Amino acid sequence: MATAASFNQTSKTVCVMDASGRLGSSIVHRLLQRGYSVHAAVQNHGKLWQSFEGLSSNNKKLKIFHSDPFDYHSIMDALKGCCGLFYSFEPPSDQPTYDEFMADVEVRAAHNVLEACAQTNTIDKVVFTSSATTVIWSDSHSKAPDLDERNWSDLNFCRKFKLWQALSKTLAEKTAWALAMDRSINMVTVNGGLLMSPDLTIANPYLKGAAEMYEDGVFVTVDLRFIVDTHIHLFEDITSYGRYLCFNHVIKCNEDAVKLANMLLPPSESSLPQSLEATRIHQQRISNKKLNKLMVEFDSKLRVD
C-alpha cells in the first residue's frame, strides 16, 4: 500500500469497481473525460457496462475487467497498476434486493476489496461509496441538533425497523474504516443521499422509512452529476479526509414530496393525502458543510493533458 504522502496526481490509472451500475459507469465516463486511464471492473449484472465494450476498442485508456468482490484474485487483477480505487457495491444478480442477509454479503465484499488494496504497492487512495442512511437512523438522533459525518446510524435501531439497506451500508462502511485504519489505507467515503438517476423506482431500498426521513428533515437527494464530481474531487484533493455527506437537495416541504411521488408512482397512486399541510416546511436537520467547503473551488471542466 502506497503511503498518503506519496499521492501523485500525474499517475492517473485508476480502477472503478463496480462499474456495472449507474454510478460506477458514470464515474468511468467522467474519469475518461478528465484524462484518466481507467480499469472498469464490472460484474455480470446490469446492462450499463455493456456500453464500455465498444468504447474500449476505440479508447486505449479504458480496460474492462470482469471482477467479483468475492474472488480475491479478480480484484487484484483489476487493481494492478492503479493509483486509486473508486469502490461502490452493487447487489449480486442472484440476490438483487436488500434483506437481513445482505449485510453479510456487503461486509464481505468491502473487506475483500480493502484487503486487496492493502496488498498492493500502487494504491494511493480509495474513494468508498457509502450512504447517508449510515448517518440518520437512531432513536437519539430525533433530539440531536443537525446531523453530520460524526453521526452513525444505530445498528439495533436498523434491525428493529428492518432498515436493511441502512444496516448493510453502516456495517460495510464500519468494516472498511476498521481495515483502512489497521492497514494504513488512505480512504475517504462519500455518504450519498437518494440518487436521482433515470432508473430510480419506488423499489429503491433507500426509500424504506421515507416518511420518517421527510418529517425529521433528513430526506436528502443527490443529482448524478454532483455525486460523480464529488467522487473525483475527493480523490484529487490531497486534503480530503474521513466521511463526506453528499447531497444537493433536501425534501422538506409538501411540494418536494409530491414531485418525488409523481416521479416514482403512477398518477392514480401518487397523490398525497389532503391532510398534509401544503405550506409546512420541515426544518432541515442534516448538514453537508464539510463537503461544500471542499467543492467550492472544484473545476469540473475537462482536464487538459
C-alpha atoms as a PDB file:
ATOM      1  CA  MET A   1       0.000   0.000   0.000  1.00  0.00           C
ATOM      2  CA  ALA A   2       1.463   3.329  -1.017  1.00  0.00           C
ATOM      3  CA  THR A   3       1.531   5.986   1.680  1.00  0.00           C
ATOM      4  CA  ALA A   4      -0.766   9.002   1.600  1.00  0.00           C
ATOM      5  CA  ALA A   5       2.219  11.325   1.322  1.00  0.00           C
ATOM      6  CA  SER A   6       3.217   9.716  -1.976  1.00  0.00           C
ATOM      7  CA  PHE A   7      -0.113  10.546  -3.686  1.00  0.00           C
ATOM      8  CA  ASN A   8       0.724  11.640  -7.204  1.00  0.00           C
ATOM      9  CA  GLN A   9      -1.998  13.060  -9.440  1.00  0.00           C
ATOM     10  CA  THR A  10       0.184  12.579 -12.519  1.00  0.00           C
ATOM     11  CA  SER A  11      -0.040   8.810 -12.070  1.00  0.00           C
ATOM     12  CA  LYS A  12      -3.529   8.611 -13.471  1.00  0.00           C
ATOM     13  CA  THR A  13      -4.540   4.986 -13.872  1.00  0.00           C
ATOM     14  CA  VAL A  14      -7.459   4.295 -11.556  1.00  0.00           C
ATOM     15  CA  CYS A  15      -9.916   1.458 -11.005  1.00  0.00           C
ATOM     16  CA  VAL A  16     -13.700   1.793 -10.772  1.00  0.00           C
ATOM     17  CA  MET A  17     -15.402  -1.133  -9.042  1.00  0.00           C
ATOM     18  CA  ASP A  18     -18.263  -1.916  -9.529  1.00  0.00           C
ATOM     19  CA  ALA A  19     -18.588  -0.167 -12.900  1.00  0.00           C
ATOM     20  CA  SER A  20     -21.763  -2.114 -13.740  1.00  0.00           C
ATOM     21  CA  GLY A  21     -24.214   0.249 -12.074  1.00  0.00           C
ATOM     22  CA  ARG A  22     -25.457   3.746 -12.853  1.00  0.00           C
ATOM     23  CA  LEU A  23     -22.999   5.491 -10.512  1.00  0.00           C
ATOM     24  CA  GLY A  24     -19.974   3.384 -11.379  1.00  0.00           C
ATOM     25  CA  SER A  25     -20.457   3.642 -15.134  1.00  0.00           C
ATOM     26  CA  SER A  26     -20.930   7.413 -14.861  1.00  0.00           C
ATOM     27  CA  ILE A  27     -17.715   7.740 -12.847  1.00  0.00           C
ATOM     28  CA  VAL A  28     -15.880   5.804 -15.576  1.00  0.00           C
ATOM     29  CA  HIS A  29     -17.088   8.178 -18.290  1.00  0.00           C
ATOM     30  CA  ARG A  30     -16.202  11.314 -16.278  1.00  0.00           C
ATOM     31  CA  LEU A  31     -12.733   9.985 -15.467  1.00  0.00           C
ATOM     32  CA  LEU A  32     -12.085   9.299 -19.144  1.00  0.00           C
ATOM     33  CA  GLN A  33     -13.243  12.832 -19.976  1.00  0.00           C
ATOM     34  CA  ARG A  34     -10.760  14.181 -17.427  1.00  0.00           C
ATOM     35  CA  GLY A  35      -7.867  12.287 -18.965  1.00  0.00           C
ATOM     36  CA  TYR A  36      -7.527   9.318 -16.666  1.00  0.00           C
ATOM     37  CA  SER A  37      -6.752   5.778 -17.754  1.00  0.00           C
ATOM     38  CA  VAL A  38      -9.450   3.571 -16.242  1.00  0.00           C
ATOM     39  CA  HIS A  39      -9.756  -0.063 -15.246  1.00  0.00           C
ATOM     40  CA  ALA A  40     -13.523  -0.632 -15.299  1.00  0.00           C
ATOM     41  CA  ALA A  41     -14.191  -3.626 -13.051  1.00  0.00           C
ATOM     42  CA  VAL A  42     -17.637  -4.971 -13.897  1.00  0.00           C
ATOM     43  CA  GLN A  43     -19.785  -7.817 -12.678  1.00  0.00           C
ATOM     44  CA  ASN A  44     -22.223  -9.801 -14.783  1.00  0.00           C
ATOM     45  CA  HIS A  45     -25.317  -7.855 -13.755  1.00  0.00           C
ATOM     46  CA  GLY A  46     -26.728  -4.707 -15.310  1.00  0.00           C
ATOM     47  CA  LYS A  47     -26.574  -3.522 -18.907  1.00  0.00           C
ATOM     48  CA  LEU A  48     -24.932  -0.122 -18.432  1.00  0.00           C
ATOM     49  CA  TRP A  49     -21.402  -1.502 -18.523  1.00  0.00           C
ATOM     50  CA  GLN A  50     -22.017  -3.054 -21.950  1.00  0.00           C
ATOM     51  CA  SER A  51     -21.590   0.422 -23.440  1.00  0.00           C
ATOM     52  CA  PHE A  52     -17.914   0.089 -22.465  1.00  0.00           C
ATOM     53  CA  GLU A  53     -17.403  -2.804 -24.874  1.00  0.00           C
ATOM     54  CA  GLY A  54     -17.493  -0.634 -27.972  1.00  0.00           C
ATOM     55  CA  LEU A  55     -15.848   2.260 -26.179  1.00  0.00           C
ATOM     56  CA  SER A  56     -12.862   0.179 -25.070  1.00  0.00           C
ATOM     57  CA  SER A  57     -11.984  -0.785 -28.626  1.00  0.00           C
ATOM     58  CA  ASN A  58     -11.727   2.903 -29.558  1.00  0.00           C
ATOM     59  CA  ASN A  59     -10.228   4.217 -26.320  1.00  0.00           C
ATOM     60  CA  LYS A  60      -6.829   2.955 -25.287  1.00  0.00           C
ATOM     61  CA  LYS A  61      -7.301   4.488 -21.838  1.00  0.00           C
ATOM     62  CA  LEU A  62     -10.118   2.100 -20.924  1.00  0.00           C
ATOM     63  CA  LYS A  63      -9.648  -1.516 -19.929  1.00  0.00           C
ATOM     64  CA  ILE A  64     -12.515  -3.761 -18.849  1.00  0.00           C
ATOM     65  CA  PHE A  65     -12.092  -6.360 -16.121  1.00  0.00           C
ATOM     66  CA  HIS A  66     -14.718  -8.887 -15.094  1.00  0.00           C
ATOM     67  CA  SER A  67     -14.289  -8.928 -11.334  1.00  0.00           C
ATOM     68  CA  ASP A  68     -16.108 -10.489  -8.436  1.00  0.00           C
ATOM     69  CA  PRO A  69     -15.804  -8.899  -4.956  1.00  0.00           C
ATOM     70  CA  PHE A  70     -15.785 -12.431  -3.556  1.00  0.00           C
ATOM     71  CA  ASP A  71     -12.934 -13.519  -5.835  1.00  0.00           C
ATOM     72  CA  TYR A  72      -9.757 -12.044  -4.400  1.00  0.00           C
ATOM     73  CA  HIS A  73      -7.644 -12.747  -7.479  1.00  0.00           C
ATOM     74  CA  SER A  74     -10.061 -10.960  -9.826  1.00  0.00           C
ATOM     75  CA  ILE A  75      -9.917  -7.901  -7.546  1.00  0.00           C
ATOM     76  CA  MET A  76      -6.118  -7.907  -7.587  1.00  0.00           C
ATOM     77  CA  ASP A  77      -6.082  -8.201 -11.386  1.00  0.00           C
ATOM     78  CA  ALA A  78      -8.309  -5.124 -11.744  1.00  0.00           C
ATOM     79  CA  LEU A  79      -6.207  -3.097  -9.263  1.00  0.00           C
ATOM     80  CA  LYS A  80      -2.859  -3.911 -10.871  1.00  0.00           C
ATOM     81  CA  GLY A  81      -1.045  -0.726 -11.868  1.00  0.00           C
ATOM     82  CA  CYS A  82      -3.707   1.612 -10.440  1.00  0.00           C
ATOM     83  CA  CYS A  83      -3.012   4.542  -8.123  1.00  0.00           C
ATOM     84  CA  GLY A  84      -6.589   4.811  -6.907  1.00  0.00           C
ATOM     85  CA  LEU A  85      -9.856   2.942  -6.455  1.00  0.00           C
ATOM     86  CA  PHE A  86     -13.443   4.162  -6.665  1.00  0.00           C
ATOM     87  CA  TYR A  87     -15.484   1.455  -4.964  1.00  0.00           C
ATOM     88  CA  SER A  88     -19.246   1.035  -4.816  1.00  0.00           C
ATOM     89  CA  PHE A  89     -21.269  -2.065  -4.008  1.00  0.00           C
ATOM     90  CA  GLU A  90     -23.959  -3.405  -6.312  1.00  0.00           C
ATOM     91  CA  PRO A  91     -26.078  -6.329  -5.046  1.00  0.00           C
ATOM     92  CA  PRO A  92     -25.309  -9.578  -6.895  1.00  0.00           C
ATOM     93  CA  SER A  93     -27.745 -10.704  -9.572  1.00  0.00           C
ATOM     94  CA  ASP A  94     -28.835 -13.741  -7.551  1.00  0.00           C
ATOM     95  CA  GLN A  95     -29.701 -11.517  -4.561  1.00  0.00           C
ATOM     96  CA  PRO A  96     -30.874  -8.203  -6.048  1.00  0.00           C
ATOM     97  CA  THR A  97     -32.824  -6.839  -3.070  1.00  0.00           C
ATOM     98  CA  TYR A  98     -31.770  -5.809   0.417  1.00  0.00           C
ATOM     99  CA  ASP A  99     -32.861  -8.135   3.198  1.00  0.00           C
ATOM    100  CA  GLU A 100     -31.499  -9.260   6.566  1.00  0.00           C
ATOM    101  CA  PHE A 101     -28.811 -11.333   4.827  1.00  0.00           C
ATOM    102  CA  MET A 102     -27.436  -8.623   2.534  1.00  0.00           C
ATOM    103  CA  ALA A 103     -25.309  -7.077   5.287  1.00  0.00           C
ATOM    104  CA  ASP A 104     -23.100 -10.171   5.424  1.00  0.00           C
ATOM    105  CA  VAL A 105     -22.660 -10.053   1.655  1.00  0.00           C
ATOM    106  CA  GLU A 106     -21.790  -6.351   1.508  1.00  0.00           C
ATOM    107  CA  VAL A 107     -19.452  -6.532   4.516  1.00  0.00           C
ATOM    108  CA  ARG A 108     -17.567  -9.459   2.998  1.00  0.00           C
ATOM    109  CA  ALA A 109     -17.209  -7.613  -0.309  1.00  0.00           C
ATOM    110  CA  ALA A 110     -15.908  -4.460   1.407  1.00  0.00           C
ATOM    111  CA  HIS A 111     -13.404  -6.473   3.434  1.00  0.00           C
ATOM    112  CA  ASN A 112     -12.084  -8.287   0.359  1.00  0.00           C
ATOM    113  CA  VAL A 113     -11.653  -5.096  -1.655  1.00  0.00           C
ATOM    114  CA  LEU A 114      -9.918  -3.151   1.137  1.00  0.00           C
ATOM    115  CA  GLU A 115      -7.659  -6.108   1.904  1.00  0.00           C
ATOM    116  CA  ALA A 116      -6.673  -6.272  -1.764  1.00  0.00           C
ATOM    117  CA  CYS A 117      -5.851  -2.550  -1.696  1.00  0.00           C
ATOM    118  CA  ALA A 118      -3.644  -3.115   1.346  1.00  0.00           C
ATOM    119  CA  GLN A 119      -1.741  -5.814  -0.542  1.00  0.00           C
ATOM    120  CA  THR A 120      -0.856  -3.558  -3.483  1.00  0.00           C
ATOM    121  CA  ASN A 121       2.069  -1.158  -3.581  1.00  0.00           C
ATOM    122  CA  THR A 122       0.448   1.310  -6.001  1.00  0.00           C
ATOM    123  CA  ILE A 123      -2.917   2.307  -4.484  1.00  0.00           C
ATOM    124  CA  ASP A 124      -2.579   5.782  -3.001  1.00  0.00           C
ATOM    125  CA  LYS A 125      -6.244   6.463  -2.241  1.00  0.00           C
ATOM    126  CA  VAL A 126      -9.613   4.750  -2.012  1.00  0.00           C
ATOM    127  CA  VAL A 127     -12.909   6.578  -2.525  1.00  0.00           C
ATOM    128  CA  PHE A 128     -15.542   4.363  -0.910  1.00  0.00           C
ATOM    129  CA  THR A 129     -19.201   4.934  -1.776  1.00  0.00           C
ATOM    130  CA  SER A 130     -21.465   4.710   1.247  1.00  0.00           C
ATOM    131  CA  SER A 131     -24.858   6.238   2.022  1.00  0.00           C
ATOM    132  CA  ALA A 132     -26.481   8.997   4.061  1.00  0.00           C
ATOM    133  CA  THR A 133     -28.530   6.201   5.649  1.00  0.00           C
ATOM    134  CA  THR A 134     -25.394   5.309   7.644  1.00  0.00           C
ATOM    135  CA  VAL A 135     -25.864   8.628   9.455  1.00  0.00           C
ATOM    136  CA  ILE A 136     -29.572   9.300  10.006  1.00  0.00           C
ATOM    137  CA  TRP A 137     -31.171   6.309  11.756  1.00  0.00           C
ATOM    138  CA  SER A 138     -31.188   6.368  15.564  1.00  0.00           C
ATOM    139  CA  ASP A 139     -33.617   7.000  18.431  1.00  0.00           C
ATOM    140  CA  SER A 140     -31.221   9.541  19.904  1.00  0.00           C
ATOM    141  CA  HIS A 141     -30.960  11.498  16.636  1.00  0.00           C
ATOM    142  CA  SER A 142     -34.536  12.762  16.978  1.00  0.00           C
ATOM    143  CA  LYS A 143     -33.380  15.005  19.828  1.00  0.00           C
ATOM    144  CA  ALA A 144     -29.999  15.846  18.348  1.00  0.00           C
ATOM    145  CA  PRO A 145     -29.094  19.073  16.522  1.00  0.00           C
ATOM    146  CA  ASP A 146     -28.003  18.920  12.879  1.00  0.00           C
ATOM    147  CA  LEU A 147     -26.626  15.548  11.880  1.00  0.00           C
ATOM    148  CA  ASP A 148     -23.308  15.381  10.094  1.00  0.00           C
ATOM    149  CA  GLU A 149     -20.458  12.978   9.322  1.00  0.00           C
ATOM    150  CA  ARG A 150     -19.766  12.429  13.028  1.00  0.00           C
ATOM    151  CA  ASN A 151     -23.088  10.628  13.452  1.00  0.00           C
ATOM    152  CA  TRP A 152     -23.678   6.934  12.804  1.00  0.00           C
ATOM    153  CA  SER A 153     -26.921   5.031  12.396  1.00  0.00           C
ATOM    154  CA  ASP A 154     -27.740   2.740  15.292  1.00  0.00           C
ATOM    155  CA  LEU A 155     -27.453  -0.908  14.234  1.00  0.00           C
ATOM    156  CA  ASN A 156     -30.093  -2.178  16.652  1.00  0.00           C
ATOM    157  CA  PHE A 157     -32.499   0.538  15.516  1.00  0.00           C
ATOM    158  CA  CYS A 158     -31.970  -0.551  11.891  1.00  0.00           C
ATOM    159  CA  ARG A 159     -32.605  -4.199  12.787  1.00  0.00           C
ATOM    160  CA  LYS A 160     -35.698  -3.361  14.825  1.00  0.00           C
ATOM    161  CA  PHE A 161     -37.347  -1.469  11.955  1.00  0.00           C
ATOM    162  CA  LYS A 162     -35.937  -3.712   9.210  1.00  0.00           C
ATOM    163  CA  LEU A 163     -33.940  -0.917   7.605  1.00  0.00           C
ATOM    164  CA  TRP A 164     -31.797  -3.438   5.778  1.00  0.00           C
ATOM    165  CA  GLN A 165     -30.114  -1.054   3.360  1.00  0.00           C
ATOM    166  CA  ALA A 166     -29.063   1.247   6.192  1.00  0.00           C
ATOM    167  CA  LEU A 167     -27.857  -1.729   8.251  1.00  0.00           C
ATOM    168  CA  SER A 168     -25.874  -3.150   5.354  1.00  0.00           C
ATOM    169  CA  LYS A 169     -24.270   0.174   4.400  1.00  0.00           C
ATOM    170  CA  THR A 170     -23.403   1.019   8.005  1.00  0.00           C
ATOM    171  CA  LEU A 171     -21.777  -2.333   8.731  1.00  0.00           C
ATOM    172  CA  ALA A 172     -19.893  -2.308   5.439  1.00  0.00           C
ATOM    173  CA  GLU A 173     -18.564   1.213   5.956  1.00  0.00           C
ATOM    174  CA  LYS A 174     -17.515   0.463   9.532  1.00  0.00           C
ATOM    175  CA  THR A 175     -15.728  -2.658   8.304  1.00  0.00           C
ATOM    176  CA  ALA A 176     -13.954  -0.623   5.634  1.00  0.00           C
ATOM    177  CA  TRP A 177     -12.858   2.028   8.132  1.00  0.00           C
ATOM    178  CA  ALA A 178     -11.584  -0.571  10.594  1.00  0.00           C
ATOM    179  CA  LEU A 179      -9.480  -2.208   7.912  1.00  0.00           C
ATOM    180  CA  ALA A 180      -8.321   1.119   6.445  1.00  0.00           C
ATOM    181  CA  MET A 181      -7.086   2.323   9.825  1.00  0.00           C
ATOM    182  CA  ASP A 182      -5.486  -1.009  10.675  1.00  0.00           C
ATOM    183  CA  ARG A 183      -3.691  -1.273   7.323  1.00  0.00           C
ATOM    184  CA  SER A 184      -2.911   2.452   6.831  1.00  0.00           C
ATOM    185  CA  ILE A 185      -5.076   2.796   3.738  1.00  0.00           C
ATOM    186  CA  ASN A 186      -5.785   6.382   2.677  1.00  0.00           C
ATOM    187  CA  MET A 187      -9.581   6.328   2.324  1.00  0.00           C
ATOM    188  CA  VAL A 188     -12.475   8.757   2.116  1.00  0.00           C
ATOM    189  CA  THR A 189     -16.172   7.884   1.978  1.00  0.00           C
ATOM    190  CA  VAL A 190     -18.973   9.522   0.017  1.00  0.00           C
ATOM    191  CA  ASN A 191     -22.186   9.196   2.027  1.00  0.00           C
ATOM    192  CA  GLY A 192     -24.682   9.982  -0.685  1.00  0.00           C
ATOM    193  CA  GLY A 193     -28.352  10.806  -0.480  1.00  0.00           C
ATOM    194  CA  LEU A 194     -31.001   9.183  -2.664  1.00  0.00           C
ATOM    195  CA  LEU A 195     -29.506   9.094  -6.159  1.00  0.00           C
ATOM    196  CA  MET A 196     -31.812  10.890  -8.600  1.00  0.00           C
ATOM    197  CA  SER A 197     -30.988   8.827 -11.661  1.00  0.00           C
ATOM    198  CA  PRO A 198     -33.232   7.993 -14.634  1.00  0.00           C
ATOM    199  CA  ASP A 199     -33.715   4.431 -13.382  1.00  0.00           C
ATOM    200  CA  LEU A 200     -34.941   5.425  -9.903  1.00  0.00           C
ATOM    201  CA  THR A 201     -38.009   3.407  -8.857  1.00  0.00           C
ATOM    202  CA  ILE A 202     -40.217   3.037  -5.790  1.00  0.00           C
ATOM    203  CA  ALA A 203     -38.411  -0.253  -5.084  1.00  0.00           C
ATOM    204  CA  ASN A 204     -35.143   1.549  -4.257  1.00  0.00           C
ATOM    205  CA  PRO A 205     -34.160   0.317  -0.777  1.00  0.00           C
ATOM    206  CA  TYR A 206     -33.071   3.823   0.267  1.00  0.00           C
ATOM    207  CA  LEU A 207     -36.773   4.769   0.348  1.00  0.00           C
ATOM    208  CA  LYS A 208     -37.581   2.482   3.283  1.00  0.00           C
ATOM    209  CA  GLY A 209     -38.610   4.918   6.002  1.00  0.00           C
ATOM    210  CA  ALA A 210     -39.063   7.816   3.562  1.00  0.00           C
ATOM    211  CA  ALA A 211     -41.982   9.318   5.529  1.00  0.00           C
ATOM    212  CA  GLU A 212     -39.919   9.394   8.716  1.00  0.00           C
ATOM    213  CA  MET A 213     -36.918  10.903   6.919  1.00  0.00           C
ATOM    214  CA  TYR A 214     -39.191  13.585   5.478  1.00  0.00           C
ATOM    215  CA  GLU A 215     -40.731  14.501   8.830  1.00  0.00           C
ATOM    216  CA  ASP A 216     -37.330  14.531  10.547  1.00  0.00           C
ATOM    217  CA  GLY A 217     -35.817  16.872   7.940  1.00  0.00           C
ATOM    218  CA  VAL A 218     -33.164  14.370   6.823  1.00  0.00           C
ATOM    219  CA  PHE A 219     -34.591  13.147   3.490  1.00  0.00           C
ATOM    220  CA  VAL A 220     -31.751  14.149   1.158  1.00  0.00           C
ATOM    221  CA  THR A 221     -31.228  13.510  -2.544  1.00  0.00           C
ATOM    222  CA  VAL A 222     -28.294  13.966  -4.885  1.00  0.00           C
ATOM    223  CA  ASP A 223     -28.005  14.513  -8.633  1.00  0.00           C
ATOM    224  CA  LEU A 224     -25.908  12.025 -10.561  1.00  0.00           C
ATOM    225  CA  ARG A 225     -23.529  14.667 -11.932  1.00  0.00           C
ATOM    226  CA  PHE A 226     -22.914  16.150  -8.471  1.00  0.00           C
ATOM    227  CA  ILE A 227     -22.090  12.860  -6.759  1.00  0.00           C
ATOM    228  CA  VAL A 228     -19.834  11.805  -9.650  1.00  0.00           C
ATOM    229  CA  ASP A 229     -17.890  15.088  -9.443  1.00  0.00           C
ATOM    230  CA  THR A 230     -17.711  14.675  -5.662  1.00  0.00           C
ATOM    231  CA  HIS A 231     -16.031  11.291  -6.009  1.00  0.00           C
ATOM    232  CA  ILE A 232     -13.450  12.649  -8.414  1.00  0.00           C
ATOM    233  CA  HIS A 233     -12.713  15.801  -6.423  1.00  0.00           C
ATOM    234  CA  LEU A 234     -12.265  13.874  -3.175  1.00  0.00           C
ATOM    235  CA  PHE A 235      -9.785  11.638  -4.971  1.00  0.00           C
ATOM    236  CA  GLU A 236      -7.843  14.545  -6.450  1.00  0.00           C
ATOM    237  CA  ASP A 237      -7.796  16.768  -3.350  1.00  0.00           C
ATOM    238  CA  ILE A 238      -4.973  15.640  -1.064  1.00  0.00           C
ATOM    239  CA  THR A 239      -6.584  17.483   1.866  1.00  0.00           C
ATOM    240  CA  SER A 240      -9.748  15.347   1.789  1.00  0.00           C
ATOM    241  CA  TYR A 241     -10.223  13.022   4.743  1.00  0.00           C
ATOM    242  CA  GLY A 242     -12.840  10.934   6.504  1.00  0.00           C
ATOM    243  CA  ARG A 243     -16.531  10.895   5.625  1.00  0.00           C
ATOM    244  CA  TYR A 244     -18.470  13.316   3.417  1.00  0.00           C
ATOM    245  CA  LEU A 245     -22.248  13.628   3.368  1.00  0.00           C
ATOM    246  CA  CYS A 246     -23.117  14.225  -0.259  1.00  0.00           C
ATOM    247  CA  PHE A 247     -26.460  15.762  -1.265  1.00  0.00           C
ATOM    248  CA  ASN A 248     -27.681  18.844  -3.082  1.00  0.00           C
ATOM    249  CA  HIS A 249     -31.379  18.824  -2.211  1.00  0.00           C
ATOM    250  CA  VAL A 250     -33.479  18.237   0.903  1.00  0.00           C
ATOM    251  CA  ILE A 251     -37.080  17.097   0.579  1.00  0.00           C
ATOM    252  CA  LYS A 252     -38.669  19.167   3.333  1.00  0.00           C
ATOM    253  CA  CYS A 253     -41.962  20.550   2.006  1.00  0.00           C
ATOM    254  CA  ASN A 254     -45.150  19.156   0.514  1.00  0.00           C
ATOM    255  CA  GLU A 255     -44.272  20.379  -2.976  1.00  0.00           C
ATOM    256  CA  ASP A 256     -40.983  18.432  -2.931  1.00  0.00           C
ATOM    257  CA  ALA A 257     -42.719  15.299  -1.645  1.00  0.00           C
ATOM    258  CA  VAL A 258     -45.413  15.485  -4.348  1.00  0.00           C
ATOM    259  CA  LYS A 259     -42.812  15.963  -7.069  1.00  0.00           C
ATOM    260  CA  LEU A 260     -40.912  12.862  -5.924  1.00  0.00           C
ATOM    261  CA  ALA A 261     -44.110  10.834  -5.611  1.00  0.00           C
ATOM    262  CA  ASN A 262     -45.059  11.781  -9.176  1.00  0.00           C
ATOM    263  CA  MET A 263     -41.689  10.502 -10.366  1.00  0.00           C
ATOM    264  CA  LEU A 264     -41.998   7.180  -8.561  1.00  0.00           C
ATOM    265  CA  LEU A 265     -45.683   6.294  -8.790  1.00  0.00           C
ATOM    266  CA  PRO A 266     -48.409   6.186 -11.464  1.00  0.00           C
ATOM    267  CA  PRO A 267     -50.800   9.193 -11.337  1.00  0.00           C
ATOM    268  CA  SER A 268     -53.553   7.236  -9.593  1.00  0.00           C
ATOM    269  CA  GLU A 269     -51.256   6.443  -6.681  1.00  0.00           C
ATOM    270  CA  SER A 270     -49.017   9.497  -6.461  1.00  0.00           C
ATOM    271  CA  SER A 271     -51.438  11.986  -4.913  1.00  0.00           C
ATOM    272  CA  LEU A 272     -50.666  12.623  -1.255  1.00  0.00           C
ATOM    273  CA  PRO A 273     -53.399  12.865   1.424  1.00  0.00           C
ATOM    274  CA  GLN A 274     -55.040  16.297   1.599  1.00  0.00           C
ATOM    275  CA  SER A 275     -54.416  16.318   5.357  1.00  0.00           C
ATOM    276  CA  LEU A 276     -50.792  17.165   4.696  1.00  0.00           C
ATOM    277  CA  GLU A 277     -50.112  20.830   5.302  1.00  0.00           C
ATOM    278  CA  ALA A 278     -49.286  22.187   1.873  1.00  0.00           C
ATOM    279  CA  THR A 279     -47.335  25.137   3.232  1.00  0.00           C
ATOM    280  CA  ARG A 280     -45.478  23.418   6.061  1.00  0.00           C
ATOM    281  CA  ILE A 281     -41.712  23.186   5.751  1.00  0.00           C
ATOM    282  CA  HIS A 282     -39.863  20.682   7.892  1.00  0.00           C
ATOM    283  CA  GLN A 283     -36.683  22.035   9.407  1.00  0.00           C
ATOM    284  CA  GLN A 284     -33.546  20.628   7.778  1.00  0.00           C
ATOM    285  CA  ARG A 285     -31.586  18.662  10.358  1.00  0.00           C
ATOM    286  CA  ILE A 286     -28.660  17.366   8.338  1.00  0.00           C
ATOM    287  CA  SER A 287     -25.568  19.233   7.184  1.00  0.00           C
ATOM    288  CA  ASN A 288     -23.139  18.835   4.296  1.00  0.00           C
ATOM    289  CA  LYS A 289     -20.957  21.826   5.194  1.00  0.00           C
ATOM    290  CA  LYS A 290     -17.807  19.718   5.194  1.00  0.00           C
ATOM    291  CA  LEU A 291     -18.254  18.771   1.542  1.00  0.00           C
ATOM    292  CA  ASN A 292     -19.444  22.224   0.464  1.00  0.00           C
ATOM    293  CA  LYS A 293     -16.249  23.828   1.716  1.00  0.00           C
ATOM    294  CA  LEU A 294     -14.201  21.407  -0.359  1.00  0.00           C
ATOM    295  CA  MET A 295     -16.306  21.661  -3.520  1.00  0.00           C
ATOM    296  CA  VAL A 296     -16.324  25.456  -3.791  1.00  0.00           C
ATOM    297  CA  GLU A 297     -13.205  25.604  -5.929  1.00  0.00           C
ATOM    298  CA  PHE A 298     -13.684  22.360  -7.827  1.00  0.00           C
ATOM    299  CA  ASP A 299     -13.193  22.858 -11.525  1.00  0.00           C
ATOM    300  CA  SER A 300     -15.445  20.338 -13.300  1.00  0.00           C
ATOM    301  CA  LYS A 301     -14.149  21.253 -16.769  1.00  0.00           C
ATOM    302  CA  LEU A 302     -12.205  18.683 -18.738  1.00  0.00           C
ATOM    303  CA  ARG A 303      -8.593  18.408 -17.730  1.00  0.00           C
ATOM    304  CA  VAL A 304      -6.119  19.350 -20.438  1.00  0.00           C
ATOM    305  CA  ASP A 305      -3.432  16.714 -20.666  1.00  0.00           C
END
